[in-house]
Each structure stands twice: as structure tokens, then as C-alpha cells.
Amino acid sequence: MIIIPGSKIEGYRVVRTVGLVRGNTIRARHIGRDIVAGLKNIVGGEIEEYTKMMAEAREQALDRMRAEAESFGANAVVDVRFSTSYVMGMASEILAYGTGVIVEKDA
């Protein structure tokens, strides 16, 4: 499966659009991570625990988007974007979305 943030895939042409595909996950913070984050907030620097958590959430959202695209018969997703939103005090949503398409190699 080809997943790309642009609308064109070099060497391929879109033969059919299957529609919007998306995948999401909602992640809650962990109290242990919050303690470490609080300490980092005092001294400054990257909060690696949250960086790792958000990277895992993005990958899970992409995996779910890919699965939905495949269920619609797509072999590529173009115009892929991410969105985040605050859900509640200690949880955030990551949404990956794009246009599911069927592509063929250029002749």
C-alpha cells in the first residue's frame, strides 16, 4: 500500500477513487509519565515519554487508516493528513485521513 501526503504518485496514475479513509486512536496519559513530564517541565527539554506515546499513536492511526483503505479495495492513499484533538483532561485523539484510490503503474 502506498501512503503519501501529496496528490500524485510518481510513476502511477489514479484509475479510481474509493473515497475518504481514516483511522484514529485516543490515548490517555500515564501517571508515571506525568511525573517525569513535570520534572522535565521544571528543567526543560524534550519529554521523550510523550514523544514516544504520540509516535505510537500516529502509527496506530495510520495502520487503521490503511486497513480501512484496503477494506474499500484501495491500493494507495493520497493527500494523507493528521489531526489531533483534545478529548478530555488526560486524553487526546490522533486522526489520520486521506483519499483512498486505486492506482496502476504508468505504461
PDB file of N, CA and C in Angstrom:
ATOM      1  N   MET A   1       0.855  -1.181   0.000  1.00  0.00           N
ATOM      2  CA  MET A   1       0.000   0.000   0.000  1.00  0.00           C
ATOM      3  C   MET A   1       0.895   1.235   0.000  1.00  0.00           C
ATOM      4  N   ILE A   2       0.606   2.128  -0.912  1.00  0.00           N
ATOM      5  CA  ILE A   2       1.322   3.400  -0.997  1.00  0.00           C
ATOM      6  C   ILE A   2       0.539   4.428  -0.187  1.00  0.00           C
ATOM      7  N   ILE A   3       1.222   5.108   0.700  1.00  0.00           N
ATOM      8  CA  ILE A   3       0.610   6.172   1.501  1.00  0.00           C
ATOM      9  C   ILE A   3       1.481   7.400   1.337  1.00  0.00           C
ATOM     10  N   ILE A   4       0.864   8.496   0.888  1.00  0.00           N
ATOM     11  CA  ILE A   4       1.649   9.675   0.533  1.00  0.00           C
ATOM     12  C   ILE A   4       0.876  10.950   0.885  1.00  0.00           C
ATOM     13  N   PRO A   5       1.592  11.974   1.344  1.00  0.00           N
ATOM     14  CA  PRO A   5       0.906  13.227   1.689  1.00  0.00           C
ATOM     15  C   PRO A   5       0.510  14.063   0.470  1.00  0.00           C
ATOM     16  N   GLY A   6       1.068  13.774  -0.685  1.00  0.00           N
ATOM     17  CA  GLY A   6       0.743  14.522  -1.897  1.00  0.00           C
ATOM     18  C   GLY A   6      -0.422  13.897  -2.645  1.00  0.00           C
ATOM     19  N   SER A   7      -0.809  14.546  -3.729  1.00  0.00           N
ATOM     20  CA  SER A   7      -1.949  14.043  -4.503  1.00  0.00           C
ATOM     21  C   SER A   7      -1.519  13.212  -5.712  1.00  0.00           C
ATOM     22  N   LYS A   8      -0.232  13.210  -6.030  1.00  0.00           N
ATOM     23  CA  LYS A   8       0.266  12.441  -7.169  1.00  0.00           C
ATOM     24  C   LYS A   8       1.357  11.490  -6.710  1.00  0.00           C
ATOM     25  N   ILE A   9       1.359  10.314  -7.318  1.00  0.00           N
ATOM     26  CA  ILE A   9       2.389   9.316  -7.045  1.00  0.00           C
ATOM     27  C   ILE A   9       3.185   9.145  -8.328  1.00  0.00           C
ATOM     28  N   GLU A  10       4.439   9.512  -8.279  1.00  0.00           N
ATOM     29  CA  GLU A  10       5.273   9.445  -9.481  1.00  0.00           C
ATOM     30  C   GLU A  10       5.319   8.014 -10.011  1.00  0.00           C
ATOM     31  N   GLY A  11       5.077   7.889 -11.307  1.00  0.00           N
ATOM     32  CA  GLY A  11       5.116   6.585 -11.952  1.00  0.00           C
ATOM     33  C   GLY A  11       3.798   5.831 -11.889  1.00  0.00           C
ATOM     34  N   TYR A  12       2.770   6.444 -11.294  1.00  0.00           N
ATOM     35  CA  TYR A  12       1.461   5.806 -11.175  1.00  0.00           C
ATOM     36  C   TYR A  12       0.378   6.777 -11.627  1.00  0.00           C
ATOM     37  N   ARG A  13      -0.755   6.211 -11.971  1.00  0.00           N
ATOM     38  CA  ARG A  13      -1.911   7.047 -12.279  1.00  0.00           C
ATOM     39  C   ARG A  13      -3.109   6.518 -11.503  1.00  0.00           C
ATOM     40  N   VAL A  14      -3.948   7.429 -11.074  1.00  0.00           N
ATOM     41  CA  VAL A  14      -5.158   7.057 -10.342  1.00  0.00           C
ATOM     42  C   VAL A  14      -6.197   6.596 -11.349  1.00  0.00           C
ATOM     43  N   VAL A  15      -6.719   5.376 -11.151  1.00  0.00           N
ATOM     44  CA  VAL A  15      -7.743   4.862 -12.051  1.00  0.00           C
ATOM     45  C   VAL A  15      -9.125   4.903 -11.412  1.00  0.00           C
ATOM     46  N   ARG A  16      -9.155   4.993 -10.086  1.00  0.00           N
ATOM     47  CA  ARG A  16     -10.441   5.089  -9.400  1.00  0.00           C
ATOM     48  C   ARG A  16     -10.246   5.642  -8.001  1.00  0.00           C
ATOM     49  N   THR A  17     -11.150   6.474  -7.563  1.00  0.00           N
ATOM     50  CA  THR A  17     -11.156   6.993  -6.198  1.00  0.00           C
ATOM     51  C   THR A  17     -12.214   6.230  -5.418  1.00  0.00           C
ATOM     52  N   VAL A  18     -11.809   5.678  -4.274  1.00  0.00           N
ATOM     53  CA  VAL A  18     -12.778   4.933  -3.461  1.00  0.00           C
ATOM     54  C   VAL A  18     -13.372   5.797  -2.349  1.00  0.00           C
ATOM     55  N   GLY A  19     -12.724   6.912  -2.038  1.00  0.00           N
ATOM     56  CA  GLY A  19     -13.297   7.837  -1.064  1.00  0.00           C
ATOM     57  C   GLY A  19     -12.422   8.077   0.156  1.00  0.00           C
ATOM     58  N   LEU A  20     -13.008   8.788   1.094  1.00  0.00           N
ATOM     59  CA  LEU A  20     -12.326   9.143   2.337  1.00  0.00           C
ATOM     60  C   LEU A  20     -12.033   7.894   3.155  1.00  0.00           C
ATOM     61  N   VAL A  21     -10.795   7.796   3.634  1.00  0.00           N
ATOM     62  CA  VAL A  21     -10.424   6.715   4.547  1.00  0.00           C
ATOM     63  C   VAL A  21      -9.783   7.352   5.769  1.00  0.00           C
ATOM     64  N   ARG A  22      -9.996   6.731   6.899  1.00  0.00           N
ATOM     65  CA  ARG A  22      -9.477   7.315   8.130  1.00  0.00           C
ATOM     66  C   ARG A  22      -9.201   6.234   9.163  1.00  0.00           C
ATOM     67  N   GLY A  23      -8.379   6.622  10.105  1.00  0.00           N
ATOM     68  CA  GLY A  23      -8.084   5.771  11.241  1.00  0.00           C
ATOM     69  C   GLY A  23      -7.759   6.672  12.415  1.00  0.00           C
ATOM     70  N   ASN A  24      -8.179   6.269  13.590  1.00  0.00           N
ATOM     71  CA  ASN A  24      -7.896   7.110  14.744  1.00  0.00           C
ATOM     72  C   ASN A  24      -7.585   6.265  15.971  1.00  0.00           C
ATOM     73  N   THR A  25      -7.060   6.939  16.966  1.00  0.00           N
ATOM     74  CA  THR A  25      -6.835   6.331  18.273  1.00  0.00           C
ATOM     75  C   THR A  25      -6.910   7.444  19.302  1.00  0.00           C
ATOM     76  N   ILE A  26      -7.333   7.087  20.485  1.00  0.00           N
ATOM     77  CA  ILE A  26      -7.360   8.032  21.601  1.00  0.00           C
ATOM     78  C   ILE A  26      -6.440   7.473  22.669  1.00  0.00           C
ATOM     79  N   ARG A  27      -5.499   8.284  23.078  1.00  0.00           N
ATOM     80  CA  ARG A  27      -4.514   7.869  24.067  1.00  0.00           C
ATOM     81  C   ARG A  27      -4.625   8.715  25.326  1.00  0.00           C
ATOM     82  N   ALA A  28      -4.553   8.042  26.457  1.00  0.00           N
ATOM     83  CA  ALA A  28      -4.573   8.733  27.739  1.00  0.00           C
ATOM     84  C   ALA A  28      -3.162   8.772  28.304  1.00  0.00           C
ATOM     85  N   ARG A  29      -2.887   9.831  29.004  1.00  0.00           N
ATOM     86  CA  ARG A  29      -1.573   9.949  29.644  1.00  0.00           C
ATOM     87  C   ARG A  29      -1.490   8.982  30.819  1.00  0.00           C
ATOM     88  N   HIS A  30      -0.285   8.657  31.181  1.00  0.00           N
ATOM     89  CA  HIS A  30       0.002   7.723  32.270  1.00  0.00           C
ATOM     90  C   HIS A  30       0.585   8.509  33.432  1.00  0.00           C
ATOM     91  N   ILE A  31       0.156   8.220  34.634  1.00  0.00           N
ATOM     92  CA  ILE A  31       0.604   8.980  35.805  1.00  0.00           C
ATOM     93  C   ILE A  31       2.127   8.967  35.957  1.00  0.00           C
ATOM     94  N   GLY A  32       2.752   7.839  35.647  1.00  0.00           N
ATOM     95  CA  GLY A  32       4.217   7.769  35.718  1.00  0.00           C
ATOM     96  C   GLY A  32       4.872   8.720  34.725  1.00  0.00           C
ATOM     97  N   ARG A  33       4.307   8.784  33.533  1.00  0.00           N
ATOM     98  CA  ARG A  33       4.829   9.706  32.528  1.00  0.00           C
ATOM     99  C   ARG A  33       4.598  11.150  32.956  1.00  0.00           C
ATOM    100  N   ASP A  34       3.473  11.397  33.625  1.00  0.00           N
ATOM    101  CA  ASP A  34       3.173  12.756  34.078  1.00  0.00           C
ATOM    102  C   ASP A  34       4.188  13.238  35.113  1.00  0.00           C
ATOM    103  N   ILE A  35       4.636  12.350  35.964  1.00  0.00           N
ATOM    104  CA  ILE A  35       5.641  12.726  36.971  1.00  0.00           C
ATOM    105  C   ILE A  35       6.939  13.121  36.276  1.00  0.00           C
ATOM    106  N   VAL A  36       7.379  12.292  35.343  1.00  0.00           N
ATOM    107  CA  VAL A  36       8.606  12.590  34.595  1.00  0.00           C
ATOM    108  C   VAL A  36       8.430  13.885  33.805  1.00  0.00           C
ATOM    109  N   ALA A  37       7.250  14.059  33.182  1.00  0.00           N
ATOM    110  CA  ALA A  37       6.983  15.272  32.407  1.00  0.00           C
ATOM    111  C   ALA A  37       7.023  16.503  33.303  1.00  0.00           C
ATOM    112  N   GLY A  38       6.496  16.392  34.507  1.00  0.00           N
ATOM    113  CA  GLY A  38       6.534  17.512  35.444  1.00  0.00           C
ATOM    114  C   GLY A  38       7.952  17.909  35.774  1.00  0.00           C
ATOM    115  N   LEU A  39       8.811  16.926  35.973  1.00  0.00           N
ATOM    116  CA  LEU A  39      10.218  17.212  36.257  1.00  0.00           C
ATOM    117  C   LEU A  39      10.891  17.857  35.046  1.00  0.00           C
ATOM    118  N   LYS A  40      10.600  17.353  33.848  1.00  0.00           N
ATOM    119  CA  LYS A  40      11.174  17.928  32.633  1.00  0.00           C
ATOM    120  C   LYS A  40      10.689  19.366  32.439  1.00  0.00           C
ATOM    121  N   ASN A  41       9.460  19.622  32.842  1.00  0.00           N
ATOM    122  CA  ASN A  41       8.895  20.951  32.701  1.00  0.00           C
ATOM    123  C   ASN A  41       9.677  21.962  33.552  1.00  0.00           C
ATOM    124  N   ILE A  42      10.194  21.501  34.660  1.00  0.00           N
ATOM    125  CA  ILE A  42      10.966  22.374  35.551  1.00  0.00           C
ATOM    126  C   ILE A  42      12.336  22.678  34.952  1.00  0.00           C
ATOM    127  N   VAL A  43      13.015  21.641  34.442  1.00  0.00           N
ATOM    128  CA  VAL A  43      14.384  21.826  33.935  1.00  0.00           C
ATOM    129  C   VAL A  43      14.450  22.062  32.432  1.00  0.00           C
ATOM    130  N   GLY A  44      13.359  21.782  31.720  1.00  0.00           N
ATOM    131  CA  GLY A  44      13.337  21.980  30.274  1.00  0.00           C
ATOM    132  C   GLY A  44      13.800  20.751  29.526  1.00  0.00           C
ATOM    133  N   GLY A  45      13.566  20.747  28.240  1.00  0.00           N
ATOM    134  CA  GLY A  45      13.992  19.645  27.380  1.00  0.00           C
ATOM    135  C   GLY A  45      12.819  18.833  26.863  1.00  0.00           C
ATOM    136  N   GLU A  46      13.142  17.922  25.977  1.00  0.00           N
ATOM    137  CA  GLU A  46      12.122  17.074  25.361  1.00  0.00           C
ATOM    138  C   GLU A  46      11.563  16.089  26.377  1.00  0.00           C
ATOM    139  N   ILE A  47      10.277  15.863  26.294  1.00  0.00           N
ATOM    140  CA  ILE A  47       9.630  14.858  27.144  1.00  0.00           C
ATOM    141  C   ILE A  47       9.512  13.593  26.299  1.00  0.00           C
ATOM    142  N   GLU A  48      10.552  12.767  26.357  1.00  0.00           N
ATOM    143  CA  GLU A  48      10.663  11.598  25.489  1.00  0.00           C
ATOM    144  C   GLU A  48       9.499  10.638  25.646  1.00  0.00           C
ATOM    145  N   GLU A  49       8.972  10.508  26.862  1.00  0.00           N
ATOM    146  CA  GLU A  49       7.865   9.589  27.103  1.00  0.00           C
ATOM    147  C   GLU A  49       6.643   9.976  26.272  1.00  0.00           C
ATOM    148  N   TYR A  50       6.349  11.265  26.197  1.00  0.00           N
ATOM    149  CA  TYR A  50       5.215  11.725  25.400  1.00  0.00           C
ATOM    150  C   TYR A  50       5.521  11.670  23.915  1.00  0.00           C
ATOM    151  N   THR A  51       6.757  11.945  23.539  1.00  0.00           N
ATOM    152  CA  THR A  51       7.142  11.847  22.132  1.00  0.00           C
ATOM    153  C   THR A  51       6.917  10.422  21.640  1.00  0.00           C
ATOM    154  N   LYS A  52       7.348   9.446  22.445  1.00  0.00           N
ATOM    155  CA  LYS A  52       7.176   8.038  22.077  1.00  0.00           C
ATOM    156  C   LYS A  52       5.690   7.672  22.023  1.00  0.00           C
ATOM    157  N   MET A  53       4.917   8.129  23.002  1.00  0.00           N
ATOM    158  CA  MET A  53       3.493   7.817  23.038  1.00  0.00           C
ATOM    159  C   MET A  53       2.781   8.373  21.802  1.00  0.00           C
ATOM    160  N   MET A  54       3.107   9.607  21.410  1.00  0.00           N
ATOM    161  CA  MET A  54       2.455  10.211  20.256  1.00  0.00           C
ATOM    162  C   MET A  54       2.898   9.538  18.951  1.00  0.00           C
ATOM    163  N   ALA A  55       4.159   9.137  18.866  1.00  0.00           N
ATOM    164  CA  ALA A  55       4.635   8.423  17.670  1.00  0.00           C
ATOM    165  C   ALA A  55       3.898   7.091  17.526  1.00  0.00           C
ATOM    166  N   GLU A  56       3.718   6.385  18.633  1.00  0.00           N
ATOM    167  CA  GLU A  56       2.981   5.117  18.597  1.00  0.00           C
ATOM    168  C   GLU A  56       1.525   5.360  18.195  1.00  0.00           C
ATOM    169  N   ALA A  57       0.933   6.434  18.684  1.00  0.00           N
ATOM    170  CA  ALA A  57      -0.455   6.756  18.349  1.00  0.00           C
ATOM    171  C   ALA A  57      -0.583   7.070  16.859  1.00  0.00           C
ATOM    172  N   ARG A  58       0.375   7.831  16.297  1.00  0.00           N
ATOM    173  CA  ARG A  58       0.337   8.132  14.859  1.00  0.00           C
ATOM    174  C   ARG A  58       0.427   6.857  14.036  1.00  0.00           C
ATOM    175  N   GLU A  59       1.313   5.948  14.423  1.00  0.00           N
ATOM    176  CA  GLU A  59       1.462   4.687  13.687  1.00  0.00           C
ATOM    177  C   GLU A  59       0.189   3.853  13.764  1.00  0.00           C
ATOM    178  N   GLN A  60      -0.444   3.825  14.927  1.00  0.00           N
ATOM    179  CA  GLN A  60      -1.682   3.064  15.064  1.00  0.00           C
ATOM    180  C   GLN A  60      -2.792   3.682  14.208  1.00  0.00           C
ATOM    181  N   ALA A  61      -2.894   5.009  14.198  1.00  0.00           N
ATOM    182  CA  ALA A  61      -3.891   5.679  13.364  1.00  0.00           C
ATOM    183  C   ALA A  61      -3.631   5.384  11.881  1.00  0.00           C
ATOM    184  N   LEU A  62      -2.362   5.412  11.460  1.00  0.00           N
ATOM    185  CA  LEU A  62      -2.020   5.078  10.070  1.00  0.00           C
ATOM    186  C   LEU A  62      -2.389   3.638   9.739  1.00  0.00           C
ATOM    187  N   ASP A  63      -2.086   2.714  10.654  1.00  0.00           N
ATOM    188  CA  ASP A  63      -2.423   1.303  10.435  1.00  0.00           C
ATOM    189  C   ASP A  63      -3.926   1.123  10.259  1.00  0.00           C
ATOM    190  N   ARG A  64      -4.703   1.822  11.071  1.00  0.00           N
ATOM    191  CA  ARG A  64      -6.161   1.718  10.972  1.00  0.00           C
ATOM    192  C   ARG A  64      -6.673   2.348   9.684  1.00  0.00           C
ATOM    193  N   MET A  65      -6.065   3.455   9.270  1.00  0.00           N
ATOM    194  CA  MET A  65      -6.443   4.080   8.002  1.00  0.00           C
ATOM    195  C   MET A  65      -6.130   3.135   6.843  1.00  0.00           C
ATOM    196  N   ARG A  66      -4.949   2.529   6.876  1.00  0.00           N
ATOM    197  CA  ARG A  66      -4.527   1.576   5.838  1.00  0.00           C
ATOM    198  C   ARG A  66      -5.513   0.407   5.763  1.00  0.00           C
ATOM    199  N   ALA A  67      -5.911  -0.112   6.917  1.00  0.00           N
ATOM    200  CA  ALA A  67      -6.849  -1.236   6.949  1.00  0.00           C
ATOM    201  C   ALA A  67      -8.197  -0.840   6.348  1.00  0.00           C
ATOM    202  N   GLU A  68      -8.673   0.364   6.658  1.00  0.00           N
ATOM    203  CA  GLU A  68      -9.938   0.813   6.077  1.00  0.00           C
ATOM    204  C   GLU A  68      -9.816   0.969   4.569  1.00  0.00           C
ATOM    205  N   ALA A  69      -8.694   1.525   4.114  1.00  0.00           N
ATOM    206  CA  ALA A  69      -8.485   1.689   2.674  1.00  0.00           C
ATOM    207  C   ALA A  69      -8.504   0.334   1.977  1.00  0.00           C
ATOM    208  N   GLU A  70      -7.815  -0.638   2.552  1.00  0.00           N
ATOM    209  CA  GLU A  70      -7.789  -1.981   1.966  1.00  0.00           C
ATOM    210  C   GLU A  70      -9.183  -2.595   1.946  1.00  0.00           C
ATOM    211  N   SER A  71      -9.978  -2.363   2.994  1.00  0.00           N
ATOM    212  CA  SER A  71     -11.332  -2.920   3.033  1.00  0.00           C
ATOM    213  C   SER A  71     -12.217  -2.315   1.950  1.00  0.00           C
ATOM    214  N   PHE A  72     -11.883  -1.113   1.485  1.00  0.00           N
ATOM    215  CA  PHE A  72     -12.618  -0.467   0.396  1.00  0.00           C
ATOM    216  C   PHE A  72     -12.049  -0.842  -0.971  1.00  0.00           C
ATOM    217  N   GLY A  73     -10.969  -1.623  -0.998  1.00  0.00           N
ATOM    218  CA  GLY A  73     -10.363  -2.045  -2.252  1.00  0.00           C
ATOM    219  C   GLY A  73      -9.261  -1.139  -2.767  1.00  0.00           C
ATOM    220  N   ALA A  74      -8.865  -0.135  -1.990  1.00  0.00           N
ATOM    221  CA  ALA A  74      -7.810   0.790  -2.419  1.00  0.00           C
ATOM    222  C   ALA A  74      -6.444   0.123  -2.297  1.00  0.00           C
ATOM    223  N   ASN A  75      -5.514   0.557  -3.156  1.00  0.00           N
ATOM    224  CA  ASN A  75      -4.129   0.104  -3.024  1.00  0.00           C
ATOM    225  C   ASN A  75      -3.181   1.269  -2.751  1.00  0.00           C
ATOM    226  N   ALA A  76      -3.777   2.465  -2.522  1.00  0.00           N
ATOM    227  CA  ALA A  76      -2.986   3.643  -2.166  1.00  0.00           C
ATOM    228  C   ALA A  76      -3.884   4.642  -1.453  1.00  0.00           C
ATOM    229  N   VAL A  77      -3.235   5.508  -0.677  1.00  0.00           N
ATOM    230  CA  VAL A  77      -3.942   6.616  -0.029  1.00  0.00           C
ATOM    231  C   VAL A  77      -3.137   7.873  -0.322  1.00  0.00           C
ATOM    232  N   VAL A  78      -3.809   8.857  -0.896  1.00  0.00           N
ATOM    233  CA  VAL A  78      -3.159  10.124  -1.228  1.00  0.00           C
ATOM    234  C   VAL A  78      -3.726  11.236  -0.346  1.00  0.00           C
ATOM    235  N   ASP A  79      -3.025  12.358  -0.345  1.00  0.00           N
ATOM    236  CA  ASP A  79      -3.436  13.530   0.443  1.00  0.00           C
ATOM    237  C   ASP A  79      -3.615  13.192   1.924  1.00  0.00           C
ATOM    238  N   VAL A  80      -2.693  12.421   2.462  1.00  0.00           N
ATOM    239  CA  VAL A  80      -2.786  11.990   3.865  1.00  0.00           C
ATOM    240  C   VAL A  80      -2.474  13.162   4.793  1.00  0.00           C
ATOM    241  N   ARG A  81      -3.280  13.280   5.822  1.00  0.00           N
ATOM    242  CA  ARG A  81      -3.125  14.322   6.834  1.00  0.00           C
ATOM    243  C   ARG A  81      -3.324  13.717   8.215  1.00  0.00           C
ATOM    244  N   PHE A  82      -2.822  14.442   9.204  1.00  0.00           N
ATOM    245  CA  PHE A  82      -3.036  14.087  10.609  1.00  0.00           C
ATOM    246  C   PHE A  82      -3.764  15.223  11.296  1.00  0.00           C
ATOM    247  N   SER A  83      -4.551  14.867  12.263  1.00  0.00           N
ATOM    248  CA  SER A  83      -5.230  15.859  13.092  1.00  0.00           C
ATOM    249  C   SER A  83      -5.182  15.366  14.526  1.00  0.00           C
ATOM    250  N   THR A  84      -5.063  16.295  15.448  1.00  0.00           N
ATOM    251  CA  THR A  84      -5.116  15.935  16.864  1.00  0.00           C
ATOM    252  C   THR A  84      -6.212  16.753  17.525  1.00  0.00           C
ATOM    253  N   SER A  85      -6.791  16.181  18.546  1.00  0.00           N
ATOM    254  CA  SER A  85      -7.800  16.923  19.292  1.00  0.00           C
ATOM    255  C   SER A  85      -7.780  16.489  20.751  1.00  0.00           C
ATOM    256  N   TYR A  86      -8.153  17.402  21.568  1.00  0.00           N
ATOM    257  CA  TYR A  86      -8.263  17.200  22.998  1.00  0.00           C
ATOM    258  C   TYR A  86      -9.607  16.535  23.260  1.00  0.00           C
ATOM    259  N   VAL A  87      -9.608  15.411  23.981  1.00  0.00           N
ATOM    260  CA  VAL A  87     -10.843  14.694  24.235  1.00  0.00           C
ATOM    261  C   VAL A  87     -11.334  14.959  25.656  1.00  0.00           C
ATOM    262  N   MET A  88     -10.424  14.876  26.604  1.00  0.00           N
ATOM    263  CA  MET A  88     -10.737  15.139  28.000  1.00  0.00           C
ATOM    264  C   MET A  88      -9.446  15.475  28.717  1.00  0.00           C
ATOM    265  N   GLY A  89      -9.508  15.697  29.999  1.00  0.00           N
ATOM    266  CA  GLY A  89      -8.361  16.161  30.762  1.00  0.00           C
ATOM    267  C   GLY A  89      -7.045  15.468  30.501  1.00  0.00           C
ATOM    268  N   MET A  90      -7.076  14.174  30.295  1.00  0.00           N
ATOM    269  CA  MET A  90      -5.810  13.457  30.151  1.00  0.00           C
ATOM    270  C   MET A  90      -5.778  12.573  28.908  1.00  0.00           C
ATOM    271  N   ALA A  91      -6.565  12.913  27.887  1.00  0.00           N
ATOM    272  CA  ALA A  91      -6.593  12.087  26.686  1.00  0.00           C
ATOM    273  C   ALA A  91      -6.662  12.952  25.434  1.00  0.00           C
ATOM    274  N   SER A  92      -6.015  12.471  24.385  1.00  0.00           N
ATOM    275  CA  SER A  92      -6.027  13.155  23.092  1.00  0.00           C
ATOM    276  C   SER A  92      -6.284  12.138  21.992  1.00  0.00           C
ATOM    277  N   GLU A  93      -6.868  12.623  20.906  1.00  0.00           N
ATOM    278  CA  GLU A  93      -7.123  11.788  19.739  1.00  0.00           C
ATOM    279  C   GLU A  93      -6.133  12.155  18.641  1.00  0.00           C
ATOM    280  N   ILE A  94      -5.659  11.130  17.951  1.00  0.00           N
ATOM    281  CA  ILE A  94      -4.878  11.305  16.729  1.00  0.00           C
ATOM    282  C   ILE A  94      -5.723  10.712  15.608  1.00  0.00           C
ATOM    283  N   LEU A  95      -5.926  11.481  14.562  1.00  0.00           N
ATOM    284  CA  LEU A  95      -6.700  11.038  13.408  1.00  0.00           C
ATOM    285  C   LEU A  95      -5.813  11.127  12.170  1.00  0.00           C
ATOM    286  N   ALA A  96      -5.739  10.046  11.416  1.00  0.00           N
ATOM    287  CA  ALA A  96      -5.062  10.036  10.120  1.00  0.00           C
ATOM    288  C   ALA A  96      -6.150   9.868   9.072  1.00  0.00           C
ATOM    289  N   TYR A  97      -6.099  10.686   8.014  1.00  0.00           N
ATOM    290  CA  TYR A  97      -7.127  10.580   6.986  1.00  0.00           C
ATOM    291  C   TYR A  97      -6.545  10.946   5.626  1.00  0.00           C
ATOM    292  N   GLY A  98      -7.194  10.459   4.605  1.00  0.00           N
ATOM    293  CA  GLY A  98      -6.775  10.745   3.240  1.00  0.00           C
ATOM    294  C   GLY A  98      -7.798  10.214   2.259  1.00  0.00           C
ATOM    295  N   THR A  99      -7.422  10.199   1.000  1.00  0.00           N
ATOM    296  CA  THR A  99      -8.297   9.709  -0.063  1.00  0.00           C
ATOM    297  C   THR A  99      -7.803   8.355  -0.523  1.00  0.00           C
ATOM    298  N   GLY A 100      -8.647   7.347  -0.381  1.00  0.00           N
ATOM    299  CA  GLY A 100      -8.311   6.018  -0.855  1.00  0.00           C
ATOM    300  C   GLY A 100      -8.479   5.958  -2.363  1.00  0.00           C
ATOM    301  N   VAL A 101      -7.483   5.427  -3.051  1.00  0.00           N
ATOM    302  CA  VAL A 101      -7.518   5.351  -4.503  1.00  0.00           C
ATOM    303  C   VAL A 101      -6.980   3.990  -4.972  1.00  0.00           C
ATOM    304  N   ILE A 102      -7.307   3.686  -6.207  1.00  0.00           N
ATOM    305  CA  ILE A 102      -6.700   2.535  -6.881  1.00  0.00           C
ATOM    306  C   ILE A 102      -5.781   3.109  -7.938  1.00  0.00           C
ATOM    307  N   VAL A 103      -4.518   2.717  -7.887  1.00  0.00           N
ATOM    308  CA  VAL A 103      -3.534   3.217  -8.835  1.00  0.00           C
ATOM    309  C   VAL A 103      -2.968   2.075  -9.669  1.00  0.00           C
ATOM    310  N   GLU A 104      -2.492   2.434 -10.834  1.00  0.00           N
ATOM    311  CA  GLU A 104      -1.795   1.495 -11.720  1.00  0.00           C
ATOM    312  C   GLU A 104      -0.500   2.164 -12.169  1.00  0.00           C
ATOM    313  N   LYS A 105       0.502   1.343 -12.434  1.00  0.00           N
ATOM    314  CA  LYS A 105       1.763   1.889 -12.949  1.00  0.00           C
ATOM    315  C   LYS A 105       1.539   2.497 -14.323  1.00  0.00           C
ATOM    316  N   ASP A 106       2.235   3.622 -14.542  1.00  0.00           N
ATOM    317  CA  ASP A 106       2.188   4.245 -15.873  1.00  0.00           C
ATOM    318  C   ASP A 106       2.815   3.308 -16.894  1.00  0.00           C
ATOM    319  N   ALA A 107       2.286   3.337 -18.082  1.00  0.00           N
ATOM    320  CA  ALA A 107       2.813   2.471 -19.165  1.00  0.00           C
ATOM    321  C   ALA A 107       4.063   3.068 -19.765  1.00  0.00           C
TER     322      ALA A 107
END
